């Protein structure tokens, strides 16, 4: 669902935490899009692929891509990613999923180990910033 409130456009994904916490999946402000930290959940709101760092990272990026598309952008618009991971020892696997997703269009990125995420089986949360040029 996309909600327009001048001067911003907001996209909601239906994640169970959006109304509880009071946030949207992504917000477009002029030529900039900011995507909220995204965990790998399935269509029923359950953690997707527990214990699989590659598939969780891939799923996060696909959810992000859907939000960007609703705002007229694509993965090629992403200029910055932040990967929050619960076990940095999987860095190569997370990194491979990130590299596979972006191909030759590399954004700036950070990978940060954190204590935990909102769902205990979630291993990674990704947030992105995108740029779509002048509105």
Protein backbone atom coordinates (compact mmCIF):
# COMPACT_ATOMS: atom_id res chain seq x y z
CA UNK A 1 0.00 0.00 0.00
CA UNK A 2 1.29 3.47 -0.87
CA UNK A 3 0.14 6.51 1.04
CA UNK A 4 0.76 10.01 -0.34
CA UNK A 5 1.16 12.97 1.97
CA UNK A 6 2.74 15.95 0.36
CA UNK A 7 5.68 16.37 0.21
CA UNK A 8 6.36 12.70 1.04
CA UNK A 9 5.25 9.35 -0.37
CA UNK A 10 5.14 6.41 2.02
CA UNK A 11 4.97 2.67 1.34
CA UNK A 12 3.82 0.09 3.87
CA UNK A 13 4.62 -3.61 3.52
CA UNK A 14 2.13 -5.00 6.01
CA UNK A 15 4.82 -6.13 8.46
CA UNK A 16 3.21 -6.69 11.87
CA UNK A 17 5.51 -4.15 13.53
CA UNK A 18 4.61 -1.17 11.29
CA UNK A 19 1.44 -0.12 13.16
CA UNK A 20 2.83 -1.16 16.55
CA UNK A 21 5.99 0.93 16.21
CA UNK A 22 4.57 3.61 13.91
CA UNK A 23 6.78 3.45 10.82
CA UNK A 24 6.56 2.80 7.11
CA UNK A 25 8.64 0.44 4.96
CA UNK A 26 9.95 3.27 2.79
CA UNK A 27 9.56 7.02 2.42
CA UNK A 28 10.35 9.14 -0.60
CA UNK A 29 11.42 12.71 0.14
CA UNK A 30 12.21 14.55 -3.07
CA UNK A 31 14.84 12.54 -4.96
CA UNK A 32 15.74 10.46 -1.88
CA UNK A 33 14.20 7.21 -0.69
CA UNK A 34 14.91 5.80 2.77
CA UNK A 35 13.99 2.18 3.43
CA UNK A 36 13.46 1.03 7.01
CA UNK A 37 15.47 -1.82 8.42
CA UNK A 38 14.00 -4.94 6.83
CA UNK A 39 14.12 -8.48 8.19
CA UNK A 40 13.38 -11.62 6.22
CA UNK A 41 9.72 -12.44 6.82
CA UNK A 42 7.39 -14.52 4.70
CA UNK A 43 3.88 -13.63 3.53
CA UNK A 44 2.42 -14.84 6.85
CA UNK A 45 4.77 -12.61 8.90
CA UNK A 46 7.03 -15.46 10.04
CA UNK A 47 10.81 -15.43 9.81
CA UNK A 48 11.85 -16.66 6.37
CA UNK A 49 14.51 -19.39 6.13
CA UNK A 50 15.60 -19.65 9.77
CA UNK A 51 19.33 -20.47 10.12
CA UNK A 52 20.06 -19.64 6.45
CA UNK A 53 22.07 -16.40 6.27
CA UNK A 54 22.16 -16.28 2.45
CA UNK A 55 18.42 -16.77 1.95
CA UNK A 56 17.56 -14.31 4.74
CA UNK A 57 19.79 -11.62 3.21
CA UNK A 58 18.33 -12.32 -0.24
CA UNK A 59 14.77 -12.12 1.12
CA UNK A 60 15.46 -8.78 2.86
CA UNK A 61 16.75 -7.33 -0.41
CA UNK A 62 13.73 -8.61 -2.36
CA UNK A 63 11.31 -7.00 0.15
CA UNK A 64 13.29 -3.77 -0.16
CA UNK A 65 13.18 -3.95 -3.95
CA UNK A 66 9.37 -4.30 -3.91
CA UNK A 67 9.08 -1.18 -1.73
CA UNK A 68 11.37 0.76 -4.07
CA UNK A 69 9.35 -0.30 -7.11
CA UNK A 70 6.18 1.08 -5.51
CA UNK A 71 7.98 4.44 -5.36
CA UNK A 72 9.19 4.30 -8.97
CA UNK A 73 12.74 3.16 -8.18
CA UNK A 74 14.76 -0.04 -8.50
CA UNK A 75 17.81 -1.74 -7.02
CA UNK A 76 19.92 0.39 -9.35
CA UNK A 77 18.75 3.45 -7.38
CA UNK A 78 20.30 2.20 -4.13
CA UNK A 79 23.32 4.23 -3.05
CA UNK A 80 23.83 2.91 0.50
CA UNK A 81 23.09 -0.29 2.39
CA UNK A 82 23.47 -1.09 6.07
CA UNK A 83 23.51 -4.73 7.13
CA UNK A 84 22.85 -5.41 10.80
CA UNK A 85 23.77 -9.02 11.56
CA UNK A 86 23.52 -11.13 14.70
CA UNK A 87 26.58 -13.25 13.89
CA UNK A 88 29.41 -11.57 11.98
CA UNK A 89 31.07 -14.97 11.40
CA UNK A 90 28.59 -15.35 8.49
CA UNK A 91 29.92 -12.14 6.88
CA UNK A 92 31.04 -13.91 3.70
CA UNK A 93 27.61 -15.47 3.18
CA UNK A 94 25.79 -12.18 3.78
CA UNK A 95 28.30 -10.47 1.52
CA UNK A 96 27.80 -13.03 -1.26
CA UNK A 97 24.01 -12.51 -1.17
CA UNK A 98 24.57 -8.73 -1.28
CA UNK A 99 27.02 -9.03 -4.19
CA UNK A 100 24.74 -11.41 -6.11
CA UNK A 101 21.81 -9.01 -5.71
CA UNK A 102 23.67 -5.92 -6.88
CA UNK A 103 25.85 -7.40 -9.61
CA UNK A 104 28.05 -4.60 -10.98
CA UNK A 105 25.98 -1.78 -9.38
CA UNK A 106 27.78 -1.57 -6.03
CA UNK A 107 26.36 0.73 -3.34
CA UNK A 108 28.30 2.01 -0.35
CA UNK A 109 27.73 -0.39 2.53
CA UNK A 110 28.34 -1.23 6.16
CA UNK A 111 27.97 -4.53 8.01
CA UNK A 112 27.55 -4.23 11.75
CA UNK A 113 27.18 -7.03 14.30
CA UNK A 114 24.39 -6.44 16.80
CA UNK A 115 23.11 -8.28 19.86
CA UNK A 116 19.74 -9.30 18.42
CA UNK A 117 16.74 -8.45 16.27
CA UNK A 118 13.00 -8.13 16.87
CA UNK A 119 12.52 -11.81 15.95
CA UNK A 120 14.96 -14.26 17.57
CA UNK A 121 15.29 -16.33 14.36
CA UNK A 122 16.10 -13.27 12.24
CA UNK A 123 19.80 -13.18 11.46
CA UNK A 124 20.00 -9.99 9.42
CA UNK A 125 18.24 -6.66 8.99
CA UNK A 126 19.01 -4.43 6.01
CA UNK A 127 18.19 -0.77 5.47
CA UNK A 128 18.94 1.24 2.35
CA UNK A 129 19.03 4.74 0.98
CA UNK A 130 18.28 5.34 -2.68
CA UNK A 131 18.49 8.30 -5.03
CA UNK A 132 16.13 8.79 -7.95
CA UNK A 133 17.21 12.21 -9.26
CA UNK A 134 15.23 15.40 -9.17
CA UNK A 135 11.49 14.93 -8.67
